[in-house]
Amino acid sequence: MDTALVSLVAGSGWASGLRVYLVAFGLGLSGRLGWVEGVPEVLTGLPILVVLGLLLAAEELIDKVPVLDSTWDTVHTVVRPVGAAALGWLLTGELDAVLQATSSGTAGGLALLSHASKATLRGAINASPEPASNALASLTEDGLVLAVLWLAVAHPIVALAVVALLLAAGGAAAAVVVRRLRRRRGHRRDAVRERR
């Protein structure tokens, strides 16, 4: 498996953890327009692009509303990794079954990790009373997805390094949020005990 394909599988896997419909739609449209070679035909068909476009539009709207976003993220804890695994399978369709299964599992695993970080961070942001941070976080995620996909196609080695850095940064940020939430719960429990 060449570096370009490894990068595309890793990049699309990580990005799918944030926006699986944007990844699938972006790959399909890029393949249909001839911008990216090797995109599976199933993703480039007009009916599939229309369905993916509708799902993407729904996700973009839902992602800006905190309560809906949290529910959407909960449901997509399964959808995003499974979608990433399917994309990994499709992208490596010409390889032998073992490499295809490995690529599929890797893409799904990367999506699960990036989704876990995203859902943790967005859960904290969604709890904020002001709506601007939620919209800003949503747009930042869109930008990261598009940047990683572009890098995966244009600069495969750089994309692999960026995915590794984003995984580490996302995990570290999520760990900080979880620690802070645990501290707050501990302070609340202490306050309740003092009142008794």
N, C-alpha and C. Protein backbone atom coordinates (compact mmCIF):
# COMPACT_ATOMS: atom_id res chain seq x y z
N MET A 1 0.85 -1.17 0.00
CA MET A 1 0.00 0.00 0.00
C MET A 1 0.91 1.24 0.00
N ASP A 2 0.68 2.14 -0.95
CA ASP A 2 1.54 3.31 -1.05
C ASP A 2 1.16 4.40 -0.04
N THR A 3 2.07 5.35 0.14
CA THR A 3 1.88 6.40 1.14
C THR A 3 0.64 7.23 0.87
N ALA A 4 0.35 7.51 -0.39
CA ALA A 4 -0.82 8.33 -0.73
C ALA A 4 -2.10 7.66 -0.26
N LEU A 5 -2.21 6.36 -0.45
CA LEU A 5 -3.41 5.64 -0.03
C LEU A 5 -3.48 5.54 1.50
N VAL A 6 -2.35 5.29 2.14
CA VAL A 6 -2.32 5.25 3.61
C VAL A 6 -2.79 6.60 4.17
N SER A 7 -2.28 7.67 3.57
CA SER A 7 -2.66 9.01 4.01
C SER A 7 -4.14 9.28 3.80
N LEU A 8 -4.68 8.87 2.67
CA LEU A 8 -6.09 9.09 2.39
C LEU A 8 -6.98 8.30 3.35
N VAL A 9 -6.59 7.07 3.65
CA VAL A 9 -7.35 6.26 4.60
C VAL A 9 -7.28 6.87 6.00
N ALA A 10 -6.06 7.24 6.43
CA ALA A 10 -5.89 7.84 7.77
C ALA A 10 -6.58 9.19 7.86
N GLY A 11 -6.39 10.03 6.85
CA GLY A 11 -7.00 11.35 6.87
C GLY A 11 -8.51 11.30 6.84
N SER A 12 -9.05 10.45 5.98
CA SER A 12 -10.51 10.34 5.91
C SER A 12 -11.06 9.67 7.17
N GLY A 13 -10.30 8.76 7.76
CA GLY A 13 -10.72 8.13 9.01
C GLY A 13 -10.80 9.14 10.14
N TRP A 14 -9.73 9.91 10.32
CA TRP A 14 -9.73 10.92 11.39
C TRP A 14 -10.84 11.95 11.15
N ALA A 15 -10.94 12.45 9.93
CA ALA A 15 -11.92 13.48 9.60
C ALA A 15 -13.36 12.98 9.74
N SER A 16 -13.58 11.71 9.47
CA SER A 16 -14.93 11.15 9.61
C SER A 16 -15.42 11.17 11.04
N GLY A 17 -14.50 11.15 11.99
CA GLY A 17 -14.89 11.25 13.39
C GLY A 17 -15.53 12.59 13.73
N LEU A 18 -15.27 13.59 12.89
CA LEU A 18 -15.87 14.92 13.07
C LEU A 18 -17.07 15.10 12.14
N ARG A 19 -16.90 14.73 10.87
CA ARG A 19 -17.92 14.99 9.84
C ARG A 19 -17.89 13.89 8.78
N VAL A 20 -18.49 12.77 9.05
CA VAL A 20 -18.44 11.65 8.10
C VAL A 20 -19.14 11.99 6.79
N TYR A 21 -20.23 12.75 6.85
CA TYR A 21 -20.95 13.08 5.61
C TYR A 21 -20.16 14.06 4.75
N LEU A 22 -19.46 14.99 5.39
CA LEU A 22 -18.61 15.93 4.65
C LEU A 22 -17.47 15.19 3.97
N VAL A 23 -16.88 14.22 4.66
CA VAL A 23 -15.79 13.44 4.09
C VAL A 23 -16.28 12.64 2.88
N ALA A 24 -17.37 11.91 3.05
CA ALA A 24 -17.88 11.08 1.96
C ALA A 24 -18.32 11.95 0.78
N PHE A 25 -19.02 13.06 1.07
CA PHE A 25 -19.47 13.96 0.01
C PHE A 25 -18.27 14.60 -0.69
N GLY A 26 -17.29 15.05 0.10
CA GLY A 26 -16.10 15.68 -0.48
C GLY A 26 -15.32 14.73 -1.37
N LEU A 27 -15.13 13.49 -0.90
CA LEU A 27 -14.43 12.50 -1.73
C LEU A 27 -15.23 12.19 -3.00
N GLY A 28 -16.54 11.98 -2.83
CA GLY A 28 -17.38 11.65 -3.98
C GLY A 28 -17.40 12.75 -5.02
N LEU A 29 -17.58 13.99 -4.57
CA LEU A 29 -17.60 15.12 -5.50
C LEU A 29 -16.24 15.32 -6.16
N SER A 30 -15.17 15.18 -5.39
CA SER A 30 -13.82 15.32 -5.95
C SER A 30 -13.55 14.25 -7.00
N GLY A 31 -14.02 13.04 -6.74
CA GLY A 31 -13.85 11.97 -7.72
C GLY A 31 -14.69 12.21 -8.96
N ARG A 32 -15.91 12.67 -8.77
CA ARG A 32 -16.81 12.93 -9.91
C ARG A 32 -16.26 14.04 -10.81
N LEU A 33 -15.66 15.06 -10.20
CA LEU A 33 -15.12 16.18 -10.96
C LEU A 33 -13.70 15.91 -11.49
N GLY A 34 -13.14 14.76 -11.12
CA GLY A 34 -11.81 14.41 -11.60
C GLY A 34 -10.67 15.07 -10.84
N TRP A 35 -10.97 15.64 -9.67
CA TRP A 35 -9.93 16.29 -8.88
C TRP A 35 -9.06 15.29 -8.13
N VAL A 36 -9.66 14.16 -7.76
CA VAL A 36 -8.94 13.13 -7.01
C VAL A 36 -9.13 11.80 -7.73
N GLU A 37 -8.02 11.13 -7.99
CA GLU A 37 -8.09 9.83 -8.65
C GLU A 37 -8.27 8.73 -7.61
N GLY A 38 -8.87 7.63 -8.04
CA GLY A 38 -9.00 6.47 -7.17
C GLY A 38 -10.18 6.49 -6.23
N VAL A 39 -11.06 7.49 -6.37
CA VAL A 39 -12.26 7.51 -5.53
C VAL A 39 -13.22 6.44 -6.06
N PRO A 40 -13.70 5.57 -5.19
CA PRO A 40 -14.60 4.50 -5.64
C PRO A 40 -15.84 5.06 -6.35
N GLU A 41 -16.23 4.41 -7.42
CA GLU A 41 -17.37 4.88 -8.23
C GLU A 41 -18.65 5.00 -7.43
N VAL A 42 -18.82 4.14 -6.44
CA VAL A 42 -20.05 4.18 -5.65
C VAL A 42 -20.23 5.55 -4.97
N LEU A 43 -19.14 6.24 -4.66
CA LEU A 43 -19.23 7.55 -4.02
C LEU A 43 -19.46 8.69 -5.02
N THR A 44 -19.19 8.44 -6.30
CA THR A 44 -19.26 9.51 -7.29
C THR A 44 -20.60 9.57 -8.02
N GLY A 45 -21.47 8.61 -7.79
CA GLY A 45 -22.77 8.60 -8.45
C GLY A 45 -23.65 9.74 -7.98
N LEU A 46 -24.44 10.30 -8.89
CA LEU A 46 -25.29 11.44 -8.55
C LEU A 46 -26.29 11.13 -7.43
N PRO A 47 -26.98 9.97 -7.45
CA PRO A 47 -27.92 9.70 -6.35
C PRO A 47 -27.24 9.66 -4.98
N ILE A 48 -26.05 9.07 -4.91
CA ILE A 48 -25.31 9.01 -3.64
C ILE A 48 -24.88 10.41 -3.21
N LEU A 49 -24.41 11.22 -4.16
CA LEU A 49 -24.01 12.58 -3.83
C LEU A 49 -25.18 13.41 -3.32
N VAL A 50 -26.36 13.21 -3.89
CA VAL A 50 -27.54 13.94 -3.43
C VAL A 50 -27.88 13.54 -1.99
N VAL A 51 -27.87 12.24 -1.70
CA VAL A 51 -28.18 11.77 -0.34
C VAL A 51 -27.12 12.29 0.64
N LEU A 52 -25.85 12.18 0.26
CA LEU A 52 -24.78 12.66 1.14
C LEU A 52 -24.88 14.17 1.34
N GLY A 53 -25.25 14.89 0.28
CA GLY A 53 -25.42 16.33 0.38
C GLY A 53 -26.54 16.72 1.34
N LEU A 54 -27.63 15.97 1.30
CA LEU A 54 -28.75 16.23 2.21
C LEU A 54 -28.36 15.93 3.66
N LEU A 55 -27.66 14.82 3.86
CA LEU A 55 -27.19 14.48 5.21
C LEU A 55 -26.20 15.53 5.73
N LEU A 56 -25.33 15.99 4.83
CA LEU A 56 -24.36 17.01 5.20
C LEU A 56 -25.07 18.32 5.57
N ALA A 57 -26.07 18.71 4.79
CA ALA A 57 -26.82 19.93 5.09
C ALA A 57 -27.52 19.82 6.44
N ALA A 58 -28.12 18.66 6.70
CA ALA A 58 -28.79 18.45 7.99
C ALA A 58 -27.79 18.54 9.13
N GLU A 59 -26.63 17.90 8.95
CA GLU A 59 -25.62 17.93 10.00
C GLU A 59 -25.12 19.35 10.25
N GLU A 60 -24.92 20.12 9.19
CA GLU A 60 -24.45 21.49 9.35
C GLU A 60 -25.44 22.34 10.15
N LEU A 61 -26.72 22.14 9.92
CA LEU A 61 -27.73 22.89 10.67
C LEU A 61 -27.80 22.42 12.12
N ILE A 62 -27.88 21.12 12.31
CA ILE A 62 -27.99 20.54 13.65
C ILE A 62 -26.76 20.87 14.50
N ASP A 63 -25.61 20.90 13.87
CA ASP A 63 -24.35 21.12 14.58
C ASP A 63 -24.25 22.50 15.21
N LYS A 64 -25.08 23.44 14.76
CA LYS A 64 -25.02 24.80 15.30
C LYS A 64 -25.95 25.00 16.51
N VAL A 65 -26.80 24.01 16.80
CA VAL A 65 -27.76 24.12 17.90
C VAL A 65 -27.28 23.19 19.03
N PRO A 66 -26.86 23.75 20.17
CA PRO A 66 -26.22 22.94 21.22
C PRO A 66 -26.97 21.68 21.63
N VAL A 67 -28.26 21.77 21.93
CA VAL A 67 -28.99 20.59 22.41
C VAL A 67 -29.07 19.53 21.31
N LEU A 68 -29.35 19.96 20.09
CA LEU A 68 -29.43 19.02 18.97
C LEU A 68 -28.06 18.42 18.67
N ASP A 69 -27.02 19.24 18.77
CA ASP A 69 -25.67 18.77 18.49
C ASP A 69 -25.26 17.65 19.43
N SER A 70 -25.56 17.81 20.71
CA SER A 70 -25.19 16.77 21.68
C SER A 70 -25.91 15.46 21.38
N THR A 71 -27.18 15.55 21.03
CA THR A 71 -27.93 14.34 20.67
C THR A 71 -27.37 13.72 19.40
N TRP A 72 -27.10 14.55 18.41
CA TRP A 72 -26.54 14.09 17.14
C TRP A 72 -25.20 13.38 17.37
N ASP A 73 -24.34 13.98 18.20
CA ASP A 73 -23.05 13.36 18.51
C ASP A 73 -23.21 12.00 19.19
N THR A 74 -24.20 11.90 20.07
CA THR A 74 -24.44 10.62 20.75
C THR A 74 -24.80 9.54 19.74
N VAL A 75 -25.73 9.85 18.86
CA VAL A 75 -26.13 8.88 17.83
C VAL A 75 -24.95 8.54 16.92
N HIS A 76 -24.15 9.54 16.59
CA HIS A 76 -23.06 9.34 15.65
C HIS A 76 -21.80 8.72 16.27
N THR A 77 -21.88 8.39 17.55
CA THR A 77 -20.78 7.63 18.17
C THR A 77 -20.61 6.29 17.46
N VAL A 78 -21.69 5.77 16.92
CA VAL A 78 -21.64 4.53 16.14
C VAL A 78 -21.50 4.84 14.65
N VAL A 79 -22.27 5.82 14.17
CA VAL A 79 -22.34 6.10 12.73
C VAL A 79 -20.99 6.52 12.17
N ARG A 80 -20.29 7.42 12.85
CA ARG A 80 -19.04 7.96 12.30
C ARG A 80 -17.94 6.90 12.17
N PRO A 81 -17.66 6.10 13.20
CA PRO A 81 -16.65 5.05 13.02
C PRO A 81 -17.04 4.01 11.97
N VAL A 82 -18.32 3.64 11.95
CA VAL A 82 -18.77 2.65 10.95
C VAL A 82 -18.64 3.25 9.54
N GLY A 83 -19.03 4.53 9.40
CA GLY A 83 -18.88 5.20 8.10
C GLY A 83 -17.43 5.29 7.68
N ALA A 84 -16.55 5.61 8.62
CA ALA A 84 -15.11 5.69 8.33
C ALA A 84 -14.57 4.33 7.91
N ALA A 85 -15.00 3.29 8.61
CA ALA A 85 -14.55 1.94 8.26
C ALA A 85 -15.02 1.57 6.86
N ALA A 86 -16.26 1.94 6.53
CA ALA A 86 -16.78 1.67 5.18
C ALA A 86 -15.98 2.43 4.12
N LEU A 87 -15.65 3.69 4.42
CA LEU A 87 -14.83 4.46 3.48
C LEU A 87 -13.44 3.83 3.33
N GLY A 88 -12.84 3.41 4.45
CA GLY A 88 -11.55 2.73 4.39
C GLY A 88 -11.61 1.47 3.53
N TRP A 89 -12.69 0.74 3.66
CA TRP A 89 -12.90 -0.48 2.87
C TRP A 89 -13.01 -0.13 1.38
N LEU A 90 -13.81 0.88 1.08
CA LEU A 90 -14.02 1.28 -0.31
C LEU A 90 -12.73 1.83 -0.94
N LEU A 91 -12.01 2.64 -0.21
CA LEU A 91 -10.79 3.24 -0.75
C LEU A 91 -9.70 2.22 -1.06
N THR A 92 -9.73 1.09 -0.36
CA THR A 92 -8.71 0.05 -0.56
C THR A 92 -9.27 -1.17 -1.27
N GLY A 93 -10.32 -0.96 -2.05
CA GLY A 93 -11.03 -2.05 -2.71
C GLY A 93 -10.20 -2.92 -3.63
N GLU A 94 -9.06 -2.41 -4.11
CA GLU A 94 -8.23 -3.20 -5.04
C GLU A 94 -7.12 -3.96 -4.33
N LEU A 95 -7.04 -3.83 -3.01
CA LEU A 95 -6.00 -4.54 -2.25
C LEU A 95 -6.51 -5.91 -1.81
N ASP A 96 -5.59 -6.73 -1.29
CA ASP A 96 -6.04 -8.03 -0.80
C ASP A 96 -6.88 -7.85 0.46
N ALA A 97 -7.62 -8.89 0.82
CA ALA A 97 -8.63 -8.80 1.88
C ALA A 97 -8.03 -8.41 3.24
N VAL A 98 -6.83 -8.88 3.55
CA VAL A 98 -6.22 -8.58 4.85
C VAL A 98 -5.88 -7.09 4.95
N LEU A 99 -5.26 -6.54 3.90
CA LEU A 99 -4.93 -5.11 3.90
C LEU A 99 -6.20 -4.26 3.89
N GLN A 100 -7.20 -4.72 3.17
CA GLN A 100 -8.46 -3.99 3.12
C GLN A 100 -9.12 -3.97 4.50
N ALA A 101 -9.14 -5.10 5.17
CA ALA A 101 -9.74 -5.18 6.51
C ALA A 101 -8.93 -4.35 7.51
N THR A 102 -7.61 -4.38 7.39
CA THR A 102 -6.76 -3.58 8.28
C THR A 102 -7.00 -2.10 8.07
N SER A 103 -7.08 -1.68 6.82
CA SER A 103 -7.34 -0.27 6.50
C SER A 103 -8.70 0.16 7.01
N SER A 104 -9.67 -0.70 6.84
CA SER A 104 -11.02 -0.41 7.30
C SER A 104 -11.05 -0.25 8.82
N GLY A 105 -10.41 -1.17 9.52
CA GLY A 105 -10.36 -1.10 10.97
C GLY A 105 -9.59 0.12 11.46
N THR A 106 -8.51 0.46 10.78
CA THR A 106 -7.72 1.64 11.15
C THR A 106 -8.54 2.91 10.97
N ALA A 107 -9.22 3.03 9.84
CA ALA A 107 -10.05 4.22 9.59
C ALA A 107 -11.15 4.33 10.64
N GLY A 108 -11.79 3.22 10.95
CA GLY A 108 -12.84 3.23 11.97
C GLY A 108 -12.30 3.58 13.35
N GLY A 109 -11.13 3.06 13.69
CA GLY A 109 -10.50 3.36 14.98
C GLY A 109 -10.11 4.83 15.10
N LEU A 110 -9.54 5.38 14.02
CA LEU A 110 -9.17 6.80 14.03
C LEU A 110 -10.42 7.68 14.18
N ALA A 111 -11.49 7.29 13.49
CA ALA A 111 -12.75 8.04 13.60
C ALA A 111 -13.29 7.98 15.03
N LEU A 112 -13.22 6.82 15.65
CA LEU A 112 -13.71 6.69 17.02
C LEU A 112 -12.92 7.58 17.98
N LEU A 113 -11.60 7.62 17.81
CA LEU A 113 -10.76 8.46 18.66
C LEU A 113 -11.05 9.95 18.45
N SER A 114 -11.12 10.36 17.18
CA SER A 114 -11.38 11.79 16.94
C SER A 114 -12.80 12.17 17.35
N HIS A 115 -13.75 11.24 17.16
CA HIS A 115 -15.12 11.52 17.59
C HIS A 115 -15.21 11.64 19.12
N ALA A 116 -14.49 10.80 19.83
CA ALA A 116 -14.51 10.86 21.31
C ALA A 116 -14.00 12.22 21.79
N SER A 117 -12.92 12.69 21.18
CA SER A 117 -12.40 14.01 21.55
C SER A 117 -13.39 15.10 21.20
N LYS A 118 -13.94 15.03 19.99
CA LYS A 118 -14.90 16.04 19.53
C LYS A 118 -16.12 16.07 20.44
N ALA A 119 -16.69 14.92 20.73
CA ALA A 119 -17.91 14.86 21.54
C ALA A 119 -17.65 15.38 22.96
N THR A 120 -16.49 15.07 23.51
CA THR A 120 -16.15 15.56 24.85
C THR A 120 -16.01 17.08 24.86
N LEU A 121 -15.25 17.60 23.90
CA LEU A 121 -15.04 19.05 23.85
C LEU A 121 -16.33 19.79 23.51
N ARG A 122 -17.09 19.26 22.55
CA ARG A 122 -18.32 19.94 22.17
C ARG A 122 -19.37 19.84 23.28
N GLY A 123 -19.35 18.77 24.04
CA GLY A 123 -20.27 18.66 25.18
C GLY A 123 -20.03 19.78 26.17
N ALA A 124 -18.75 20.08 26.42
CA ALA A 124 -18.41 21.18 27.32
C ALA A 124 -18.81 22.53 26.72
N ILE A 125 -18.56 22.70 25.43
CA ILE A 125 -18.92 23.95 24.75
C ILE A 125 -20.43 24.12 24.70
N ASN A 126 -21.15 23.02 24.42
CA ASN A 126 -22.61 23.09 24.34
C ASN A 126 -23.25 23.48 25.67
N ALA A 127 -22.56 23.22 26.77
CA ALA A 127 -23.09 23.58 28.09
C ALA A 127 -22.93 25.07 28.36
N SER A 128 -22.15 25.74 27.53
CA SER A 128 -21.95 27.18 27.69
C SER A 128 -23.23 27.93 27.33
N PRO A 129 -23.57 28.98 28.08
CA PRO A 129 -24.83 29.69 27.82
C PRO A 129 -24.83 30.53 26.54
N GLU A 130 -23.66 30.90 26.03
CA GLU A 130 -23.67 31.73 24.83
C GLU A 130 -23.48 30.87 23.58
N PRO A 131 -24.24 31.16 22.50
CA PRO A 131 -24.25 30.31 21.31
C PRO A 131 -23.08 30.52 20.36
N ALA A 132 -22.36 31.60 20.47
CA ALA A 132 -21.30 31.90 19.50
C ALA A 132 -20.18 30.87 19.53
N SER A 133 -19.82 30.38 20.72
CA SER A 133 -18.73 29.41 20.81
C SER A 133 -19.09 28.10 20.11
N ASN A 134 -20.35 27.71 20.14
CA ASN A 134 -20.78 26.49 19.47
C ASN A 134 -20.65 26.63 17.95
N ALA A 135 -21.10 27.74 17.42
CA ALA A 135 -21.00 27.97 15.97
C ALA A 135 -19.54 28.05 15.54
N LEU A 136 -18.71 28.72 16.35
CA LEU A 136 -17.29 28.83 16.03
C LEU A 136 -16.62 27.45 16.06
N ALA A 137 -16.95 26.63 17.04
CA ALA A 137 -16.39 25.28 17.12
C ALA A 137 -16.82 24.46 15.91
N SER A 138 -18.06 24.59 15.50
CA SER A 138 -18.57 23.86 14.34
C SER A 138 -17.82 24.25 13.07
N LEU A 139 -17.64 25.54 12.87
CA LEU A 139 -16.92 26.01 11.68
C LEU A 139 -15.45 25.59 11.71
N THR A 140 -14.86 25.58 12.90
CA THR A 140 -13.47 25.13 13.04
C THR A 140 -13.35 23.66 12.66
N GLU A 141 -14.30 22.85 13.10
CA GLU A 141 -14.30 21.43 12.75
C GLU A 141 -14.41 21.25 11.24
N ASP A 142 -15.30 22.01 10.59
CA ASP A 142 -15.43 21.94 9.13
C ASP A 142 -14.10 22.25 8.46
N GLY A 143 -13.45 23.31 8.93
CA GLY A 143 -12.17 23.70 8.36
C GLY A 143 -11.10 22.64 8.55
N LEU A 144 -11.06 22.04 9.74
CA LEU A 144 -10.08 20.97 9.99
C LEU A 144 -10.30 19.77 9.08
N VAL A 145 -11.57 19.39 8.90
CA VAL A 145 -11.90 18.26 8.03
C VAL A 145 -11.42 18.53 6.61
N LEU A 146 -11.75 19.69 6.09
CA LEU A 146 -11.37 20.03 4.71
C LEU A 146 -9.85 20.13 4.57
N ALA A 147 -9.18 20.70 5.57
CA ALA A 147 -7.72 20.82 5.52
C ALA A 147 -7.05 19.45 5.55
N VAL A 148 -7.52 18.56 6.40
CA VAL A 148 -6.92 17.23 6.49
C VAL A 148 -7.15 16.45 5.19
N LEU A 149 -8.35 16.54 4.64
CA LEU A 149 -8.60 15.86 3.36
C LEU A 149 -7.72 16.40 2.25
N TRP A 150 -7.58 17.73 2.19
CA TRP A 150 -6.73 18.33 1.16
C TRP A 150 -5.29 17.88 1.34
N LEU A 151 -4.79 17.90 2.58
CA LEU A 151 -3.43 17.45 2.84
C LEU A 151 -3.25 15.99 2.47
N ALA A 152 -4.25 15.17 2.77
CA ALA A 152 -4.15 13.73 2.46
C ALA A 152 -3.96 13.50 0.97
N VAL A 153 -4.56 14.35 0.16
CA VAL A 153 -4.44 14.21 -1.30
C VAL A 153 -3.18 14.90 -1.82
N ALA A 154 -2.91 16.11 -1.35
CA ALA A 154 -1.83 16.92 -1.90
C ALA A 154 -0.46 16.66 -1.26
N HIS A 155 -0.46 16.37 0.05
CA HIS A 155 0.80 16.20 0.79
C HIS A 155 0.65 15.05 1.78
N PRO A 156 0.70 13.82 1.29
CA PRO A 156 0.40 12.65 2.14
C PRO A 156 1.23 12.54 3.41
N ILE A 157 2.52 12.78 3.33
CA ILE A 157 3.37 12.64 4.52
C ILE A 157 2.99 13.69 5.57
N VAL A 158 2.78 14.92 5.11
CA VAL A 158 2.38 15.99 6.02
C VAL A 158 1.03 15.64 6.66
N ALA A 159 0.13 15.09 5.86
CA ALA A 159 -1.20 14.73 6.38
C ALA A 159 -1.09 13.71 7.51
N LEU A 160 -0.23 12.71 7.34
CA LEU A 160 -0.06 11.70 8.38
C LEU A 160 0.46 12.33 9.68
N ALA A 161 1.41 13.26 9.54
CA ALA A 161 1.94 13.95 10.73
C ALA A 161 0.85 14.80 11.38
N VAL A 162 0.05 15.48 10.56
CA VAL A 162 -1.02 16.34 11.09
C VAL A 162 -2.07 15.50 11.81
N VAL A 163 -2.43 14.36 11.23
CA VAL A 163 -3.41 13.48 11.89
C VAL A 163 -2.89 13.02 13.25
N ALA A 164 -1.61 12.65 13.30
CA ALA A 164 -1.03 12.23 14.59
C ALA A 164 -1.07 13.37 15.60
N LEU A 165 -0.72 14.58 15.17
CA LEU A 165 -0.75 15.74 16.06
C LEU A 165 -2.18 16.06 16.52
N LEU A 166 -3.14 15.99 15.60
CA LEU A 166 -4.52 16.27 15.96
C LEU A 166 -5.09 15.23 16.93
N LEU A 167 -4.69 13.98 16.74
CA LEU A 167 -5.13 12.94 17.69
C LEU A 167 -4.58 13.23 19.08
N ALA A 168 -3.30 13.57 19.14
CA ALA A 168 -2.68 13.85 20.44
C ALA A 168 -3.30 15.10 21.08
N ALA A 169 -3.47 16.16 20.29
CA ALA A 169 -4.04 17.40 20.82
C ALA A 169 -5.48 17.20 21.26
N GLY A 170 -6.25 16.48 20.47
CA GLY A 170 -7.64 16.22 20.83
C GLY A 170 -7.76 15.40 22.10
N GLY A 171 -6.91 14.38 22.22
CA GLY A 171 -6.92 13.55 23.42
C GLY A 171 -6.52 14.34 24.65
N ALA A 172 -5.49 15.19 24.51
CA ALA A 172 -5.05 16.00 25.65
C ALA A 172 -6.13 17.01 26.06
N ALA A 173 -6.74 17.65 25.08
CA ALA A 173 -7.79 18.63 25.39
C ALA A 173 -8.99 17.96 26.05
N ALA A 174 -9.37 16.78 25.55
CA ALA A 174 -10.50 16.06 26.14
C ALA A 174 -10.18 15.64 27.57
N ALA A 175 -8.94 15.22 27.81
CA ALA A 175 -8.54 14.83 29.17
C ALA A 175 -8.63 16.01 30.13
N VAL A 176 -8.23 17.20 29.67
CA VAL A 176 -8.33 18.40 30.51
C VAL A 176 -9.79 18.69 30.85
N VAL A 177 -10.67 18.60 29.85
CA VAL A 177 -12.10 18.86 30.08
C VAL A 177 -12.66 17.87 31.08
N VAL A 178 -12.34 16.60 30.92
CA VAL A 178 -12.85 15.57 31.84
C VAL A 178 -12.36 15.82 33.26
N ARG A 179 -11.08 16.18 33.42
CA ARG A 179 -10.55 16.49 34.76
C ARG A 179 -11.28 17.65 35.39
N ARG A 180 -11.53 18.70 34.61
CA ARG A 180 -12.23 19.87 35.14
C ARG A 180 -13.67 19.52 35.54
N LEU A 181 -14.32 18.72 34.73
CA LEU A 181 -15.69 18.32 35.06
C LEU A 181 -15.71 17.49 36.34
N ARG A 182 -14.76 16.61 36.50
CA ARG A 182 -14.69 15.80 37.73
C ARG A 182 -14.43 16.69 38.95
N ARG A 183 -13.57 17.70 38.79
CA ARG A 183 -13.32 18.62 39.89
C ARG A 183 -14.58 19.38 40.28
N ARG A 184 -15.31 19.84 39.27
CA ARG A 184 -16.56 20.56 39.55
C ARG A 184 -17.56 19.68 40.28
N ARG A 185 -17.68 18.44 39.84
CA ARG A 185 -18.58 17.51 40.53
C ARG A 185 -18.15 17.32 41.98
N GLY A 186 -16.85 17.19 42.18
CA GLY A 186 -16.34 17.02 43.54
C GLY A 186 -16.65 18.23 44.41
N HIS A 187 -16.48 19.42 43.85
CA HIS A 187 -16.80 20.65 44.60
C HIS A 187 -18.29 20.72 44.91
N ARG A 188 -19.12 20.32 43.96
CA ARG A 188 -20.57 20.34 44.20
C ARG A 188 -20.95 19.36 45.29
N ARG A 189 -20.36 18.16 45.26
CA ARG A 189 -20.64 17.17 46.31
C ARG A 189 -20.22 17.68 47.68
N ASP A 190 -19.06 18.33 47.72
CA ASP A 190 -18.58 18.90 48.98
C ASP A 190 -19.53 19.97 49.49
N ALA A 191 -20.02 20.81 48.57
CA ALA A 191 -20.94 21.89 48.95
C ALA A 191 -22.25 21.32 49.49
N VAL A 192 -22.75 20.25 48.87
CA VAL A 192 -23.98 19.61 49.33
C VAL A 192 -23.77 19.00 50.72
N ARG A 193 -22.63 18.37 50.94
CA ARG A 193 -22.36 17.77 52.25
C ARG A 193 -22.27 18.84 53.34
N GLU A 194 -21.67 19.97 52.99
CA GLU A 194 -21.55 21.05 53.98
C GLU A 194 -22.91 21.61 54.37
N ARG A 195 -23.83 21.66 53.42
CA ARG A 195 -25.18 22.16 53.71
C ARG A 195 -25.92 21.23 54.65
N ARG A 196 -25.62 19.95 54.57
CA ARG A 196 -26.30 18.98 55.45
C ARG A 196 -25.74 19.11 56.84
